[in-house]
Amino acid sequence: MKLALVEEGSVLNIELSAPVFRCREEEAIFYERLSALAGCEKVVVCTQCVAVTIGDDCAARALDELGEICAIWNLSFERVSGRED
């Protein structure tokens, strides 16, 4: 699954393709992990994606944590725009 990162002002908007889960418990754990990201302001589940808004002051730490989440669900992500760390 691909992850798009778009930075706007003082927040970082992250968009993940809609993941596929084996059970409801796995789905709940996934969304709990996303909601617990450093600086997470909002998680929105759309039809074909999951959008996460992160405060810019926590972006670097949140991206590290997101890497861990992506490793668990075998996801990959790519920075398509925004600042370079």
C-alpha atoms as a PDB file:
ATOM      1  CA  MET A   1       0.000   0.000   0.000  1.00  0.00           C
ATOM      2  CA  LYS A   2       1.213   3.464  -0.794  1.00  0.00           C
ATOM      3  CA  LEU A   3       1.322   6.386   1.598  1.00  0.00           C
ATOM      4  CA  ALA A   4       1.255  10.003   0.414  1.00  0.00           C
ATOM      5  CA  LEU A   5       2.561  12.834   2.598  1.00  0.00           C
ATOM      6  CA  VAL A   6       1.408  16.409   2.041  1.00  0.00           C
ATOM      7  CA  GLU A   7       2.486  19.252   4.305  1.00  0.00           C
ATOM      8  CA  GLU A   8       0.146  22.223   4.753  1.00  0.00           C
ATOM      9  CA  GLY A   9       1.073  25.031   7.136  1.00  0.00           C
ATOM     10  CA  SER A  10       1.702  23.709  10.615  1.00  0.00           C
ATOM     11  CA  VAL A  11       0.325  20.208  10.006  1.00  0.00           C
ATOM     12  CA  LEU A  12       1.400  17.171   8.043  1.00  0.00           C
ATOM     13  CA  ASN A  13      -1.399  15.379   6.191  1.00  0.00           C
ATOM     14  CA  ILE A  14      -0.747  11.701   5.536  1.00  0.00           C
ATOM     15  CA  GLU A  15      -2.905   9.602   3.248  1.00  0.00           C
ATOM     16  CA  LEU A  16      -2.772   5.796   3.290  1.00  0.00           C
ATOM     17  CA  SER A  17      -4.489   3.498   0.826  1.00  0.00           C
ATOM     18  CA  ALA A  18      -7.332   1.621   2.495  1.00  0.00           C
ATOM     19  CA  PRO A  19      -5.758  -1.367   4.273  1.00  0.00           C
ATOM     20  CA  VAL A  20      -7.149  -4.907   4.236  1.00  0.00           C
ATOM     21  CA  PHE A  21      -7.670  -6.629   7.581  1.00  0.00           C
ATOM     22  CA  ARG A  22      -8.037 -10.305   8.500  1.00  0.00           C
ATOM     23  CA  CYS A  23     -10.398  -9.586  11.402  1.00  0.00           C
ATOM     24  CA  ARG A  24     -12.073  -6.783  13.336  1.00  0.00           C
ATOM     25  CA  GLU A  25      -9.556  -6.999  16.161  1.00  0.00           C
ATOM     26  CA  GLU A  26      -6.694  -6.361  13.725  1.00  0.00           C
ATOM     27  CA  GLU A  27      -8.600  -3.394  12.288  1.00  0.00           C
ATOM     28  CA  ALA A  28      -9.164  -1.939  15.772  1.00  0.00           C
ATOM     29  CA  ILE A  29      -5.482  -2.303  16.665  1.00  0.00           C
ATOM     30  CA  PHE A  30      -4.428  -0.608  13.407  1.00  0.00           C
ATOM     31  CA  TYR A  31      -6.639   2.439  14.002  1.00  0.00           C
ATOM     32  CA  GLU A  32      -5.643   2.626  17.671  1.00  0.00           C
ATOM     33  CA  ARG A  33      -1.994   2.715  16.626  1.00  0.00           C
ATOM     34  CA  LEU A  34      -2.669   5.468  14.061  1.00  0.00           C
ATOM     35  CA  SER A  35      -4.608   7.523  16.624  1.00  0.00           C
ATOM     36  CA  ALA A  36      -1.738   7.172  19.097  1.00  0.00           C
ATOM     37  CA  LEU A  37       0.862   8.618  16.677  1.00  0.00           C
ATOM     38  CA  ALA A  38       2.842  11.515  18.152  1.00  0.00           C
ATOM     39  CA  GLY A  39       1.005  14.759  17.436  1.00  0.00           C
ATOM     40  CA  CYS A  40      -1.959  13.019  15.805  1.00  0.00           C
ATOM     41  CA  GLU A  41      -4.773  15.530  15.447  1.00  0.00           C
ATOM     42  CA  LYS A  42      -7.213  13.564  13.312  1.00  0.00           C
ATOM     43  CA  VAL A  43      -7.759  10.172  11.640  1.00  0.00           C
ATOM     44  CA  VAL A  44     -10.408  10.067   8.916  1.00  0.00           C
ATOM     45  CA  VAL A  45     -11.478   6.833   7.229  1.00  0.00           C
ATOM     46  CA  CYS A  46     -12.546   7.458   3.631  1.00  0.00           C
ATOM     47  CA  THR A  47     -13.793   4.979   1.034  1.00  0.00           C
ATOM     48  CA  GLN A  48     -10.390   4.372  -0.542  1.00  0.00           C
ATOM     49  CA  CYS A  49      -7.941   5.850   1.961  1.00  0.00           C
ATOM     50  CA  VAL A  50      -7.155   6.702   5.558  1.00  0.00           C
ATOM     51  CA  ALA A  51      -6.171  10.330   6.182  1.00  0.00           C
ATOM     52  CA  VAL A  52      -4.101  11.275   9.225  1.00  0.00           C
ATOM     53  CA  THR A  53      -3.312  14.849  10.307  1.00  0.00           C
ATOM     54  CA  ILE A  54      -0.228  15.356  12.474  1.00  0.00           C
ATOM     55  CA  GLY A  55       0.998  18.548  14.123  1.00  0.00           C
ATOM     56  CA  ASP A  56       4.186  19.726  12.408  1.00  0.00           C
ATOM     57  CA  ASP A  57       6.109  19.906  15.693  1.00  0.00           C
ATOM     58  CA  CYS A  58       5.784  16.105  16.045  1.00  0.00           C
ATOM     59  CA  ALA A  59       6.163  15.144  12.366  1.00  0.00           C
ATOM     60  CA  ALA A  60       9.606  13.509  12.594  1.00  0.00           C
ATOM     61  CA  ARG A  61       8.659  11.340  15.580  1.00  0.00           C
ATOM     62  CA  ALA A  62       5.278  10.478  14.026  1.00  0.00           C
ATOM     63  CA  LEU A  63       6.970   9.361  10.793  1.00  0.00           C
ATOM     64  CA  ASP A  64       9.254   7.049  12.789  1.00  0.00           C
ATOM     65  CA  GLU A  65       6.222   5.576  14.551  1.00  0.00           C
ATOM     66  CA  LEU A  66       4.369   5.314  11.238  1.00  0.00           C
ATOM     67  CA  GLY A  67       7.296   3.323   9.847  1.00  0.00           C
ATOM     68  CA  GLU A  68       6.793   0.817  12.663  1.00  0.00           C
ATOM     69  CA  ILE A  69       3.069   0.567  11.928  1.00  0.00           C
ATOM     70  CA  CYS A  70       3.745   0.085   8.212  1.00  0.00           C
ATOM     71  CA  ALA A  71       6.246  -2.673   8.991  1.00  0.00           C
ATOM     72  CA  ILE A  72       3.642  -4.568  11.031  1.00  0.00           C
ATOM     73  CA  TRP A  73       1.039  -4.391   8.235  1.00  0.00           C
ATOM     74  CA  ASN A  74       3.626  -4.782   5.465  1.00  0.00           C
ATOM     75  CA  LEU A  75       2.868  -1.316   4.063  1.00  0.00           C
ATOM     76  CA  SER A  76       5.216   1.098   2.339  1.00  0.00           C
ATOM     77  CA  PHE A  77       5.102   4.866   2.138  1.00  0.00           C
ATOM     78  CA  GLU A  78       6.528   7.576  -0.073  1.00  0.00           C
ATOM     79  CA  ARG A  79       6.941  11.315   0.512  1.00  0.00           C
ATOM     80  CA  VAL A  80       5.268  13.010  -2.458  1.00  0.00           C
ATOM     81  CA  SER A  81       5.610  16.614  -1.249  1.00  0.00           C
ATOM     82  CA  GLY A  82       6.453  18.607   1.846  1.00  0.00           C
ATOM     83  CA  ARG A  83       9.654  19.444   3.642  1.00  0.00           C
ATOM     84  CA  GLU A  84      12.701  17.216   3.669  1.00  0.00           C
ATOM     85  CA  ASP A  85      13.917  16.198   7.154  1.00  0.00           C
END
